[in-house]
Amino acid sequence: MLGCTLEIMEARLKQFQWRQKYLRLADWYDEFSSRSFMQATVPEA
């Protein structure tokens, strides 16, 4: 659920710059979002 929430925040709430404040979370999200099950569900732009 956290991964999906962060994905939505990046796509729709660009003014909320969470990556700069939460570096470890950003690292975790980058690794998590590269997994095949997350890549398979990325919405088309």
C-alpha atoms as a PDB file:
ATOM      1  CA  MET A   1       0.000   0.000   0.000  1.00  0.00           C
ATOM      2  CA  LEU A   2       2.835   2.373   0.788  1.00  0.00           C
ATOM      3  CA  GLY A   3       4.400   1.856  -2.633  1.00  0.00           C
ATOM      4  CA  CYS A   4       1.124   2.661  -4.364  1.00  0.00           C
ATOM      5  CA  THR A   5       0.628   5.755  -2.232  1.00  0.00           C
ATOM      6  CA  LEU A   6       4.085   7.063  -3.083  1.00  0.00           C
ATOM      7  CA  GLU A   7       3.477   6.390  -6.758  1.00  0.00           C
ATOM      8  CA  ILE A   8       0.260   8.416  -6.673  1.00  0.00           C
ATOM      9  CA  MET A   9       1.979  11.241  -4.805  1.00  0.00           C
ATOM     10  CA  GLU A  10       4.723  11.423  -7.422  1.00  0.00           C
ATOM     11  CA  ALA A  11       2.259  11.417 -10.296  1.00  0.00           C
ATOM     12  CA  ARG A  12      -0.431  13.733  -8.944  1.00  0.00           C
ATOM     13  CA  LEU A  13       1.040  15.757  -6.089  1.00  0.00           C
ATOM     14  CA  LYS A  14       4.244  17.045  -7.603  1.00  0.00           C
ATOM     15  CA  GLN A  15       4.319  20.002  -5.200  1.00  0.00           C
ATOM     16  CA  PHE A  16       4.885  17.566  -2.307  1.00  0.00           C
ATOM     17  CA  GLN A  17       8.629  16.942  -2.605  1.00  0.00           C
ATOM     18  CA  TRP A  18       8.926  13.975  -0.248  1.00  0.00           C
ATOM     19  CA  ARG A  19      12.086  12.544  -1.854  1.00  0.00           C
ATOM     20  CA  GLN A  20      14.342  15.368  -0.633  1.00  0.00           C
ATOM     21  CA  LYS A  21      13.215  15.020   2.977  1.00  0.00           C
ATOM     22  CA  TYR A  22      12.971  11.216   3.168  1.00  0.00           C
ATOM     23  CA  LEU A  23      16.053   9.878   1.413  1.00  0.00           C
ATOM     24  CA  ARG A  24      15.865   6.330   2.789  1.00  0.00           C
ATOM     25  CA  LEU A  25      12.206   6.081   1.816  1.00  0.00           C
ATOM     26  CA  ALA A  26      13.076   7.304  -1.680  1.00  0.00           C
ATOM     27  CA  ASP A  27      15.750   4.598  -1.961  1.00  0.00           C
ATOM     28  CA  TRP A  28      13.276   1.950  -0.795  1.00  0.00           C
ATOM     29  CA  TYR A  29      10.632   3.185  -3.228  1.00  0.00           C
ATOM     30  CA  ASP A  30      13.061   3.146  -6.163  1.00  0.00           C
ATOM     31  CA  GLU A  31      13.960  -0.476  -5.430  1.00  0.00           C
ATOM     32  CA  PHE A  32      10.358  -1.482  -4.760  1.00  0.00           C
ATOM     33  CA  SER A  33       8.950   0.200  -7.851  1.00  0.00           C
ATOM     34  CA  SER A  34      11.449  -1.566 -10.089  1.00  0.00           C
ATOM     35  CA  ARG A  35       9.970  -4.966  -9.216  1.00  0.00           C
ATOM     36  CA  SER A  36       8.073  -6.762 -11.941  1.00  0.00           C
ATOM     37  CA  PHE A  37       4.683  -6.661 -10.216  1.00  0.00           C
ATOM     38  CA  MET A  38       4.906  -2.883  -9.836  1.00  0.00           C
ATOM     39  CA  GLN A  39       6.090  -2.394 -13.414  1.00  0.00           C
ATOM     40  CA  ALA A  40       3.166  -4.506 -14.664  1.00  0.00           C
ATOM     41  CA  THR A  41       0.662  -2.143 -13.063  1.00  0.00           C
ATOM     42  CA  VAL A  42       2.097   1.243 -14.056  1.00  0.00           C
ATOM     43  CA  PRO A  43      -0.693   3.228 -15.685  1.00  0.00           C
ATOM     44  CA  GLU A  44      -0.159   4.435 -19.238  1.00  0.00           C
ATOM     45  CA  ALA A  45       0.578   8.130 -19.540  1.00  0.00           C
END
